[in-house]
Amino acid sequence: MSAAPRARDLGFACGNLPAGALNSIADVPGVLVGHRTLIDGDIRTGVTAIVPHGGNLYREKPIAAVHVLNGFGKSAGLVQVEELGTLETPILLTNTLSVGTCCTALVRHAIEQNPDIGRETATVNPVVFECNDGYLNDIQALAVTEAHARAALANASSQFAVGSVGAGCGMSTFGFKGGIGTSSRRLDLDGRHYHLGVLVLSNFGRSGDLRLPDGRSVSPSTLDGRSTEKGSIIIVAATDIPLSDRQIKRVIRRSGVGLARLGSFWGHGSGDIALGFTTANILSHDEKAALVGLHVLNEDRIDLLFEAMADATQEAVLDALLAAGSMTGRSGHQRPGLFDTLKSLSPEA
């Protein structure tokens, strides 16, 4: 994990459940995250890759689900995840105009591992999410290439940076600099430790609306004059608890609780989307049996996951805000860092 300040280290832990050892989505065994960050002239963008497990995802598909809080977005692959309840590629995060490029990179990556795709067997469903980083980034430059997407995949690790990195490089949140954040919760079931981890691409929230866990309202020193909410947030949740796709959808829906605690109301112009998957239930592409079994959570225990999802989402956004730092981007546009702003407000500063 990066040396940037993290929310929990600065006293902004959310909820009462314990965090995992890394306090990240990578506390779920097998889950890896990689970035490729692009900073050059007016370019402030990149790609972030989330790899659910180290095997062949097309052949061994994790159970997954999608929930759309507000659908002002241009993501790819959600329809099939909604219909079939599985993932079959890594997940890429990027800027709005680079979705197609990242889709192509995922298709090529899958075909390299599975030469029968589109010939002897079905095609592949690449999953790519986006947020609009055009305030700080020259989004029209179409700077992201397939090579950048492949580099993010190649960089995937359990130790990864947060803040203004990868897809989060040019993002804004509540008028501050936003980006990539993560958090996890350890959950004990039947005498065993499990984890639910969340990673966010945070680019949402109206300037002046941010509410911290201690009740403070914090605004940038100079508001950007927006009267409407025009941002987005992508929330990716992973768990090693065995769930059905229906149960995953119920869990990730609670991400909205964490966003609301922060001051968001999911405005008309905001693309707020959550995807979740479990590494404990995998469906084989080459399954021959007519009937297959799934191990699932007793739904009387699901409140524990609801609580974890709400708390980890809230903390992951704060993680992104506090790690991001201040940034000047395209045409001299600026976003202050929340950490810098809080230091300036401190009586000891």
Protein backbone atom coordinates (compact mmCIF):
# COMPACT_ATOMS: atom_id res chain seq x y z
CA MET A 1 0.00 0.00 0.00
CA SER A 2 1.22 3.53 -0.69
CA ALA A 3 2.80 5.82 1.91
CA ALA A 4 -0.01 8.34 1.36
CA PRO A 5 -2.12 9.08 4.46
CA ARG A 6 -4.98 6.67 4.94
CA ALA A 7 -8.35 7.46 6.47
CA ARG A 8 -8.06 5.06 9.42
CA ASP A 9 -4.55 6.24 10.30
CA LEU A 10 -5.88 9.80 10.49
CA GLY A 11 -8.73 8.91 12.83
CA PHE A 12 -11.48 8.47 10.22
CA ALA A 13 -12.37 4.82 10.80
CA CYS A 14 -16.03 4.12 10.05
CA GLY A 15 -18.23 1.78 12.07
CA ASN A 16 -17.36 -0.74 14.75
CA LEU A 17 -16.36 -3.85 12.79
CA PRO A 18 -12.63 -4.64 12.62
CA ALA A 19 -10.73 -3.97 9.40
CA GLY A 20 -8.65 -6.62 7.68
CA ALA A 21 -4.87 -6.67 8.00
CA LEU A 22 -4.39 -4.54 4.88
CA ASN A 23 -7.68 -2.64 5.25
CA SER A 24 -8.15 -3.14 1.52
CA ILE A 25 -10.04 -5.18 -1.05
CA ALA A 26 -6.92 -7.38 -1.21
CA ASP A 27 -7.73 -8.74 2.25
CA VAL A 28 -9.94 -11.12 0.27
CA PRO A 29 -7.47 -13.89 -0.64
CA GLY A 30 -6.56 -13.92 -4.32
CA VAL A 31 -7.82 -10.41 -5.15
CA LEU A 32 -5.17 -8.16 -6.72
CA VAL A 33 -5.16 -4.51 -7.84
CA GLY A 34 -2.89 -2.75 -10.33
CA HIS A 35 -2.56 0.80 -11.70
CA ARG A 36 -1.15 2.62 -14.68
CA THR A 37 -1.05 6.37 -14.04
CA LEU A 38 -0.67 8.95 -16.84
CA ILE A 39 0.57 12.47 -16.02
CA ASP A 40 1.95 14.50 -18.92
CA GLY A 41 1.12 18.10 -19.80
CA ASP A 42 -2.67 18.37 -19.49
CA ILE A 43 -3.08 14.58 -19.09
CA ARG A 44 -4.25 13.39 -15.66
CA THR A 45 -5.76 9.96 -16.13
CA GLY A 46 -5.03 6.23 -16.08
CA VAL A 47 -6.30 2.68 -15.63
CA THR A 48 -6.92 0.57 -12.53
CA ALA A 49 -7.31 -3.21 -12.77
CA ILE A 50 -9.06 -5.46 -10.24
CA VAL A 51 -8.27 -9.15 -10.66
CA PRO A 52 -10.69 -11.42 -8.72
CA HIS A 53 -8.43 -14.49 -8.69
CA GLY A 54 -5.17 -15.67 -10.20
CA GLY A 55 -6.66 -18.32 -12.48
CA ASN A 56 -8.33 -18.20 -15.88
CA LEU A 57 -11.38 -16.02 -15.22
CA TYR A 58 -13.08 -17.00 -18.47
CA ARG A 59 -12.88 -20.66 -17.49
CA GLU A 60 -13.54 -20.19 -13.76
CA LYS A 61 -16.16 -17.47 -13.31
CA PRO A 62 -16.83 -15.88 -9.89
CA ILE A 63 -20.46 -15.33 -8.95
CA ALA A 64 -21.18 -11.59 -9.25
CA ALA A 65 -23.91 -8.96 -9.29
CA VAL A 66 -24.42 -5.31 -10.23
CA HIS A 67 -26.50 -2.60 -8.61
CA VAL A 68 -27.09 0.80 -10.23
CA LEU A 69 -27.86 3.62 -7.78
CA ASN A 70 -28.03 6.19 -10.58
CA GLY A 71 -27.27 5.21 -14.15
CA PHE A 72 -25.73 8.31 -15.73
CA GLY A 73 -22.73 6.27 -16.89
CA LYS A 74 -21.08 4.61 -19.87
CA SER A 75 -19.77 1.37 -18.39
CA ALA A 76 -19.52 -1.86 -20.38
CA GLY A 77 -20.47 -5.45 -19.59
CA LEU A 78 -23.11 -4.80 -16.92
CA VAL A 79 -26.05 -6.30 -18.84
CA GLN A 80 -24.51 -9.77 -18.98
CA VAL A 81 -23.36 -9.66 -15.34
CA GLU A 82 -26.93 -8.74 -14.39
CA GLU A 83 -28.38 -11.56 -16.48
CA LEU A 84 -25.94 -14.41 -15.81
CA GLY A 85 -24.56 -13.46 -12.40
CA THR A 86 -20.89 -14.10 -13.20
CA LEU A 87 -17.64 -12.33 -14.10
CA GLU A 88 -15.36 -13.68 -16.83
CA THR A 89 -12.66 -10.98 -17.09
CA PRO A 90 -10.78 -8.74 -14.70
CA ILE A 91 -12.47 -5.39 -13.99
CA LEU A 92 -10.92 -2.26 -15.46
CA LEU A 93 -11.59 1.30 -14.26
CA THR A 94 -10.72 4.30 -16.45
CA ASN A 95 -12.06 7.61 -17.79
CA THR A 96 -15.32 7.90 -19.73
CA LEU A 97 -13.87 8.10 -23.23
CA SER A 98 -11.45 5.19 -22.72
CA VAL A 99 -14.03 2.46 -22.04
CA GLY A 100 -13.80 1.05 -25.58
CA THR A 101 -10.01 0.88 -25.51
CA CYS A 102 -10.06 -0.98 -22.19
CA CYS A 103 -12.73 -3.37 -23.49
CA THR A 104 -10.52 -4.26 -26.43
CA ALA A 105 -7.56 -4.82 -24.10
CA LEU A 106 -9.62 -7.22 -21.96
CA VAL A 107 -10.86 -9.10 -25.04
CA ARG A 108 -7.30 -9.56 -26.33
CA HIS A 109 -6.17 -10.65 -22.86
CA ALA A 110 -8.95 -13.25 -22.68
CA ILE A 111 -8.30 -14.57 -26.19
CA GLU A 112 -4.61 -15.06 -25.40
CA GLN A 113 -5.61 -17.39 -22.57
CA ASN A 114 -8.57 -18.92 -24.42
CA PRO A 115 -8.03 -19.21 -28.19
CA ASP A 116 -11.45 -20.86 -28.60
CA ILE A 117 -13.32 -17.63 -27.69
CA GLY A 118 -15.72 -16.64 -30.46
CA ARG A 119 -14.88 -19.77 -32.51
CA GLU A 120 -15.47 -23.03 -30.68
CA THR A 121 -17.11 -21.41 -27.66
CA ALA A 122 -18.93 -18.23 -26.64
CA THR A 123 -17.58 -14.70 -26.89
CA VAL A 124 -16.29 -12.87 -23.80
CA ASN A 125 -17.89 -10.14 -21.70
CA PRO A 126 -15.32 -7.46 -20.75
CA VAL A 127 -16.28 -5.39 -17.71
CA VAL A 128 -15.10 -1.78 -17.72
CA PHE A 129 -16.27 1.07 -15.47
CA GLU A 130 -15.70 4.78 -15.94
CA CYS A 131 -15.87 8.20 -14.37
CA ASN A 132 -15.44 11.56 -16.12
CA ASP A 133 -12.08 13.12 -15.18
CA GLY A 134 -12.42 15.96 -17.73
CA TYR A 135 -12.09 18.79 -15.20
CA LEU A 136 -8.45 17.95 -14.45
CA ASN A 137 -7.65 15.78 -17.48
CA ASP A 138 -7.67 16.53 -21.21
CA ILE A 139 -10.15 13.73 -21.78
CA GLN A 140 -10.39 14.52 -25.51
CA ALA A 141 -6.76 13.51 -25.95
CA LEU A 142 -7.79 9.83 -25.64
CA ALA A 143 -4.48 9.22 -23.90
CA VAL A 144 -5.26 5.73 -22.55
CA THR A 145 -4.03 2.92 -24.80
CA GLU A 146 -4.43 -0.85 -24.74
CA ALA A 147 -0.82 -1.03 -23.55
CA HIS A 148 -1.72 1.08 -20.52
CA ALA A 149 -4.60 -1.24 -19.70
CA ARG A 150 -2.34 -4.27 -20.04
CA ALA A 151 0.24 -2.59 -17.79
CA ALA A 152 -2.38 -2.12 -15.06
CA LEU A 153 -3.19 -5.83 -15.29
CA ALA A 154 0.50 -6.75 -15.17
CA ASN A 155 1.03 -4.52 -12.11
CA ALA A 156 -1.74 -6.20 -10.10
CA SER A 157 -0.66 -6.99 -6.54
CA SER A 158 -2.04 -7.28 -3.02
CA GLN A 159 0.00 -4.15 -2.21
CA PHE A 160 -1.21 -1.16 -4.21
CA ALA A 161 -1.35 2.62 -3.98
CA VAL A 162 -4.42 4.75 -3.20
CA GLY A 163 -5.28 8.35 -3.98
CA SER A 164 -4.38 10.02 -7.30
CA VAL A 165 -3.26 6.84 -9.01
CA GLY A 166 -4.46 4.78 -11.97
CA ALA A 167 -8.01 5.62 -12.97
CA GLY A 168 -8.20 7.93 -9.96
CA CYS A 169 -5.47 10.28 -11.18
CA GLY A 170 -7.81 13.02 -12.45
CA MET A 171 -10.92 12.45 -10.34
CA SER A 172 -12.69 14.93 -8.00
CA THR A 173 -14.92 14.35 -4.96
CA PHE A 174 -17.08 16.94 -3.17
CA GLY A 175 -14.93 19.65 -4.80
CA PHE A 176 -11.72 18.12 -3.44
CA LYS A 177 -9.22 15.90 -5.23
CA GLY A 178 -10.65 12.37 -5.38
CA GLY A 179 -9.34 9.07 -6.70
CA ILE A 180 -8.87 5.46 -5.62
CA GLY A 181 -9.71 4.38 -2.07
CA THR A 182 -10.17 1.05 -0.36
CA SER A 183 -11.22 -0.51 2.94
CA SER A 184 -12.22 -3.91 4.33
CA ARG A 185 -13.98 -5.53 7.22
CA ARG A 186 -13.18 -8.85 8.90
CA LEU A 187 -16.25 -10.95 9.55
CA ASP A 188 -16.41 -14.02 11.78
CA LEU A 189 -18.82 -16.80 10.78
CA ASP A 190 -18.94 -20.32 12.25
CA GLY A 191 -15.57 -19.83 13.92
CA ARG A 192 -13.74 -18.71 10.75
CA HIS A 193 -12.44 -15.33 9.59
CA TYR A 194 -13.80 -13.96 6.31
CA HIS A 195 -13.47 -10.58 4.67
CA LEU A 196 -15.51 -8.10 2.69
CA GLY A 197 -13.36 -5.55 0.85
CA VAL A 198 -14.34 -2.45 -1.11
CA LEU A 199 -12.47 -0.39 -3.69
CA VAL A 200 -13.88 2.89 -5.02
CA LEU A 201 -13.16 5.14 -7.97
CA SER A 202 -14.40 8.31 -6.32
CA ASN A 203 -15.49 11.22 -8.55
CA PHE A 204 -18.81 12.34 -7.09
CA GLY A 205 -20.44 14.76 -4.69
CA ARG A 206 -21.35 18.44 -4.82
CA SER A 207 -18.86 20.96 -3.45
CA GLY A 208 -19.80 21.85 0.11
CA ASP A 209 -21.82 18.69 0.81
CA LEU A 210 -19.09 16.54 2.38
CA ARG A 211 -19.80 15.31 5.91
CA LEU A 212 -17.01 13.73 7.93
CA PRO A 213 -17.68 10.90 10.45
CA ASP A 214 -17.18 13.34 13.33
CA GLY A 215 -20.06 15.46 12.02
CA ARG A 216 -18.02 18.28 10.50
CA SER A 217 -19.01 19.81 7.16
CA VAL A 218 -15.94 20.56 5.07
CA SER A 219 -15.81 22.66 1.90
CA PRO A 220 -13.00 23.51 -0.50
CA SER A 221 -11.59 26.98 0.10
CA THR A 222 -12.93 27.99 -3.33
CA LEU A 223 -16.15 26.39 -4.51
CA ASP A 224 -16.31 25.60 -8.22
CA GLY A 225 -19.81 27.04 -8.57
CA ARG A 226 -21.54 23.78 -9.49
CA SER A 227 -25.20 23.81 -8.51
CA THR A 228 -25.79 20.22 -9.58
CA GLU A 229 -24.21 16.85 -8.86
CA LYS A 230 -22.42 15.78 -12.05
CA GLY A 231 -19.90 13.26 -10.77
CA SER A 232 -19.78 9.49 -10.50
CA ILE A 233 -18.54 6.75 -8.22
CA ILE A 234 -17.71 3.14 -9.00
CA ILE A 235 -17.81 0.76 -6.04
CA VAL A 236 -16.30 -2.73 -6.38
CA ALA A 237 -16.81 -5.17 -3.51
CA ALA A 238 -15.17 -8.55 -3.04
CA THR A 239 -15.72 -11.25 -0.43
CA ASP A 240 -14.66 -14.80 0.32
CA ILE A 241 -18.02 -15.50 1.94
CA PRO A 242 -20.08 -17.85 -0.26
CA LEU A 243 -23.06 -15.92 -1.63
CA SER A 244 -25.55 -16.22 -4.47
CA ASP A 245 -25.73 -13.42 -7.03
CA ARG A 246 -29.03 -12.36 -5.43
CA GLN A 247 -27.35 -12.09 -2.03
CA ILE A 248 -24.44 -10.13 -3.52
CA LYS A 249 -26.88 -7.65 -5.03
CA ARG A 250 -28.52 -7.20 -1.63
CA VAL A 251 -25.13 -6.55 -0.04
CA ILE A 252 -23.77 -4.07 -2.59
CA ARG A 253 -27.02 -2.10 -2.53
CA ARG A 254 -25.94 -1.02 0.97
CA SER A 255 -23.03 0.91 -0.55
CA GLY A 256 -25.58 3.71 -0.88
CA VAL A 257 -25.75 3.95 2.91
CA GLY A 258 -22.04 4.81 3.03
CA LEU A 259 -22.41 7.42 0.28
CA ALA A 260 -25.38 9.04 2.01
CA ARG A 261 -23.46 9.31 5.28
CA LEU A 262 -20.84 11.33 3.36
CA GLY A 263 -23.46 13.78 2.10
CA SER A 264 -24.31 12.39 -1.34
CA PHE A 265 -27.84 12.17 -2.72
CA TRP A 266 -26.94 10.51 -6.08
CA GLY A 267 -27.91 13.41 -8.32
CA HIS A 268 -29.41 13.25 -11.80
CA GLY A 269 -26.03 13.68 -13.50
CA SER A 270 -24.18 11.14 -11.37
CA GLY A 271 -23.21 7.63 -12.44
CA ASP A 272 -23.17 5.65 -9.19
CA ILE A 273 -22.70 1.93 -9.79
CA ALA A 274 -21.68 -0.99 -7.56
CA LEU A 275 -20.40 -4.41 -8.56
CA GLY A 276 -19.71 -7.26 -6.17
CA PHE A 277 -18.27 -10.74 -6.49
CA THR A 278 -17.42 -13.71 -4.30
CA THR A 279 -14.33 -15.85 -4.67
CA ALA A 280 -16.05 -18.66 -2.74
CA ASN A 281 -18.50 -19.62 -5.51
CA ILE A 282 -17.00 -20.26 -8.93
CA LEU A 283 -18.84 -21.58 -11.99
CA SER A 284 -16.85 -23.53 -14.56
CA HIS A 285 -17.20 -22.51 -18.20
CA ASP A 286 -16.67 -26.15 -19.14
CA GLU A 287 -19.07 -27.67 -16.59
CA LYS A 288 -20.59 -30.96 -17.86
CA ALA A 289 -22.99 -31.70 -15.02
CA ALA A 290 -26.65 -30.82 -15.46
CA LEU A 291 -26.92 -29.76 -11.80
CA VAL A 292 -24.31 -27.92 -9.78
CA GLY A 293 -24.28 -27.01 -6.11
CA LEU A 294 -23.56 -23.67 -4.47
CA HIS A 295 -22.69 -23.01 -0.84
CA VAL A 296 -24.49 -19.86 0.36
CA LEU A 297 -24.82 -17.74 3.47
CA ASN A 298 -27.67 -18.28 5.88
CA GLU A 299 -29.63 -15.11 5.18
CA ASP A 300 -30.34 -14.60 8.87
CA ARG A 301 -26.66 -13.56 9.10
CA ILE A 302 -26.64 -11.14 6.16
CA ASP A 303 -27.04 -8.01 8.31
CA LEU A 304 -23.36 -8.40 9.21
CA LEU A 305 -22.45 -7.98 5.54
CA PHE A 306 -24.85 -5.06 5.13
CA GLU A 307 -23.10 -3.25 7.98
CA ALA A 308 -19.67 -4.07 6.58
CA MET A 309 -20.62 -2.83 3.12
CA ALA A 310 -21.93 0.51 4.39
CA ASP A 311 -18.93 1.13 6.65
CA ALA A 312 -16.26 0.01 4.16
CA THR A 313 -17.75 2.12 1.35
CA GLN A 314 -17.81 5.23 3.52
CA GLU A 315 -14.23 4.68 4.66
CA ALA A 316 -12.96 3.85 1.16
CA VAL A 317 -14.19 7.23 -0.12
CA LEU A 318 -12.47 9.01 2.77
CA ASP A 319 -9.37 6.94 1.99
CA ALA A 320 -9.38 8.29 -1.56
CA LEU A 321 -9.94 11.88 -0.42
CA LEU A 322 -7.25 11.89 2.25
CA ALA A 323 -4.61 10.15 0.13
CA ALA A 324 -5.16 12.11 -3.06
CA GLY A 325 -3.35 15.38 -2.29
CA SER A 326 -3.89 18.65 -4.12
CA MET A 327 -3.59 18.76 -7.91
CA THR A 328 -3.39 21.25 -10.78
CA GLY A 329 -4.46 19.86 -14.12
CA ARG A 330 -5.87 20.81 -17.51
CA SER A 331 -6.00 24.55 -18.26
CA GLY A 332 -4.78 25.32 -14.75
CA HIS A 333 -7.84 23.75 -13.09
CA GLN A 334 -7.17 22.94 -9.46
CA ARG A 335 -8.55 20.63 -6.80
CA PRO A 336 -7.40 20.98 -3.18
CA GLY A 337 -6.58 17.89 -1.17
CA LEU A 338 -8.80 17.16 1.81
CA PHE A 339 -5.77 16.34 3.97
CA ASP A 340 -4.19 19.73 3.15
CA THR A 341 -7.49 21.50 3.84
CA LEU A 342 -7.95 19.82 7.22
CA LYS A 343 -4.40 20.74 8.22
CA SER A 344 -5.08 24.38 7.33
CA LEU A 345 -8.22 24.34 9.50
CA SER A 346 -6.47 22.81 12.51
CA PRO A 347 -5.81 25.18 15.45
CA GLU A 348 -2.28 23.72 15.62
CA ALA A 349 -1.56 24.51 11.95
